[in-house]
C-alpha atoms as a PDB file:
ATOM      1  CA  MET A   1     165.316 138.838  32.383  1.00  0.00           C
ATOM      2  CA  ASN A   2     165.361 135.277  33.730  1.00  0.00           C
ATOM      3  CA  LYS A   3     168.169 134.081  35.990  1.00  0.00           C
ATOM      4  CA  ILE A   4     169.678 130.581  35.959  1.00  0.00           C
ATOM      5  CA  PRO A   5     168.919 129.132  39.404  1.00  0.00           C
ATOM      6  CA  LYS A   6     171.546 127.665  41.712  1.00  0.00           C
ATOM      7  CA  ILE A   7     170.727 123.937  41.706  1.00  0.00           C
ATOM      8  CA  ASP A   8     172.297 121.285  43.937  1.00  0.00           C
ATOM      9  CA  SER A   9     171.563 118.088  42.035  1.00  0.00           C
ATOM     10  CA  ILE A  10     172.010 116.941  38.460  1.00  0.00           C
ATOM     11  CA  GLU A  11     168.418 115.630  38.500  1.00  0.00           C
ATOM     12  CA  GLU A  12     167.020 119.063  39.403  1.00  0.00           C
ATOM     13  CA  LEU A  13     169.240 120.665  36.785  1.00  0.00           C
ATOM     14  CA  ALA A  14     167.994 118.230  34.126  1.00  0.00           C
ATOM     15  CA  ARG A  15     164.350 118.936  35.069  1.00  0.00           C
ATOM     16  CA  PHE A  16     165.021 122.670  34.862  1.00  0.00           C
ATOM     17  CA  TRP A  17     166.566 122.506  31.376  1.00  0.00           C
ATOM     18  CA  ASP A  18     163.824 120.125  30.200  1.00  0.00           C
ATOM     19  CA  THR A  19     161.353 122.958  30.738  1.00  0.00           C
ATOM     20  CA  HIS A  20     163.460 126.015  29.828  1.00  0.00           C
ATOM     21  CA  ASP A  21     165.338 127.305  26.793  1.00  0.00           C
ATOM     22  CA  ILE A  22     168.928 128.533  27.071  1.00  0.00           C
ATOM     23  CA  VAL A  23     168.230 131.531  24.837  1.00  0.00           C
ATOM     24  CA  ASP A  24     166.085 132.942  27.659  1.00  0.00           C
ATOM     25  CA  PHE A  25     169.231 133.148  29.809  1.00  0.00           C
ATOM     26  CA  GLU A  26     171.756 134.665  27.391  1.00  0.00           C
ATOM     27  CA  GLU A  27     172.597 137.501  29.786  1.00  0.00           C
ATOM     28  CA  ASP A  28     173.646 134.942  32.445  1.00  0.00           C
ATOM     29  CA  LEU A  29     176.039 133.129  30.111  1.00  0.00           C
ATOM     30  CA  GLU A  30     179.741 133.824  29.776  1.00  0.00           C
ATOM     31  CA  GLU A  31     182.256 132.602  27.232  1.00  0.00           C
ATOM     32  CA  VAL A  32     184.698 130.027  28.547  1.00  0.00           C
ATOM     33  CA  GLU A  33     188.323 130.348  27.462  1.00  0.00           C
ATOM     34  CA  GLU A  34     189.657 127.165  29.087  1.00  0.00           C
ATOM     35  CA  PRO A  35     187.987 123.791  29.395  1.00  0.00           C
ATOM     36  CA  ILE A  36     186.175 123.395  32.693  1.00  0.00           C
ATOM     37  CA  PHE A  37     186.048 119.606  32.627  1.00  0.00           C
ATOM     38  CA  GLU A  38     189.225 117.616  32.280  1.00  0.00           C
ATOM     39  CA  ARG A  39     189.308 114.107  30.915  1.00  0.00           C
ATOM     40  CA  ASN A  40     189.765 111.265  33.335  1.00  0.00           C
ATOM     41  CA  THR A  41     193.350 110.033  33.171  1.00  0.00           C
ATOM     42  CA  GLU A  42     192.654 106.658  34.753  1.00  0.00           C
ATOM     43  CA  SER A  43     192.635 103.381  32.854  1.00  0.00           C
ATOM     44  CA  VAL A  44     190.508 100.348  33.549  1.00  0.00           C
ATOM     45  CA  MET A  45     192.199  96.956  33.321  1.00  0.00           C
ATOM     46  CA  ARG A  46     190.875  93.422  33.572  1.00  0.00           C
ATOM     47  CA  ILE A  47     192.746  90.571  35.201  1.00  0.00           C
ATOM     48  CA  ARG A  48     192.111  86.858  35.139  1.00  0.00           C
ATOM     49  CA  LEU A  49     192.321  84.920  38.381  1.00  0.00           C
ATOM     50  CA  PRO A  50     191.736  81.276  39.126  1.00  0.00           C
ATOM     51  CA  ALA A  51     188.336  80.839  40.819  1.00  0.00           C
ATOM     52  CA  GLU A  52     189.990  79.970  44.135  1.00  0.00           C
ATOM     53  CA  GLN A  53     192.003  83.214  44.163  1.00  0.00           C
ATOM     54  CA  ALA A  54     188.996  85.269  43.093  1.00  0.00           C
ATOM     55  CA  GLU A  55     186.974  83.806  45.984  1.00  0.00           C
ATOM     56  CA  ALA A  56     189.781  84.537  48.441  1.00  0.00           C
ATOM     57  CA  LEU A  57     189.918  88.122  47.168  1.00  0.00           C
ATOM     58  CA  LYS A  58     186.131  88.471  47.587  1.00  0.00           C
ATOM     59  CA  ARG A  59     186.287  87.165  51.151  1.00  0.00           C
ATOM     60  CA  LEU A  60     189.133  89.541  52.007  1.00  0.00           C
ATOM     61  CA  ALA A  61     187.254  92.480  50.496  1.00  0.00           C
ATOM     62  CA  MET A  62     184.092  91.606  52.412  1.00  0.00           C
ATOM     63  CA  SER A  63     186.014  91.311  55.670  1.00  0.00           C
ATOM     64  CA  ARG A  64     187.431  94.816  55.099  1.00  0.00           C
ATOM     65  CA  GLY A  65     184.126  96.232  53.872  1.00  0.00           C
ATOM     66  CA  VAL A  66     185.560  97.337  50.543  1.00  0.00           C
ATOM     67  CA  ASP A  67     185.329  96.375  46.894  1.00  0.00           C
ATOM     68  CA  GLU A  68     187.706  93.788  45.416  1.00  0.00           C
ATOM     69  CA  ALA A  69     188.992  96.389  42.958  1.00  0.00           C
ATOM     70  CA  ASP A  70     189.999  98.675  45.846  1.00  0.00           C
ATOM     71  CA  ILE A  71     192.217  95.966  47.307  1.00  0.00           C
ATOM     72  CA  VAL A  72     193.840  95.145  43.969  1.00  0.00           C
ATOM     73  CA  GLU A  73     194.417  98.860  43.300  1.00  0.00           C
ATOM     74  CA  GLU A  74     196.060  99.230  46.723  1.00  0.00           C
ATOM     75  CA  TRP A  75     198.324  96.219  46.086  1.00  0.00           C
ATOM     76  CA  VAL A  76     199.384  97.519  42.669  1.00  0.00           C
ATOM     77  CA  ARG A  77     200.190 100.964  44.103  1.00  0.00           C
ATOM     78  CA  GLU A  78     202.271  99.373  46.894  1.00  0.00           C
ATOM     79  CA  LYS A  79     204.203  97.190  44.432  1.00  0.00           C
ATOM     80  CA  LEU A  80     204.889 100.091  42.079  1.00  0.00           C
ATOM     81  CA  ARG A  81     206.090 102.312  44.923  1.00  0.00           C
ATOM     82  CA  ALA A  82     208.438  99.557  46.110  1.00  0.00           C
ATOM     83  CA  SER A  83     209.942  98.987  42.669  1.00  0.00           C
END
């Protein structure tokens, strides 16, 4: 009977299943009682900034080598912890 290979990348896994049928691997399968994947509990929010503030945020992010969203997220966390 065929065995499902251990694959390191999602691309390799996709190529494998593009050329194979799951019914050939029924002996390797097991029933799952609990969900393996949990839903992401994060929310995405948009904010409006005047162009001057947005530019200042971009410059700050570039100087730190991070994304603007990372800085805003850090600031929000700090403010919420302090409140």
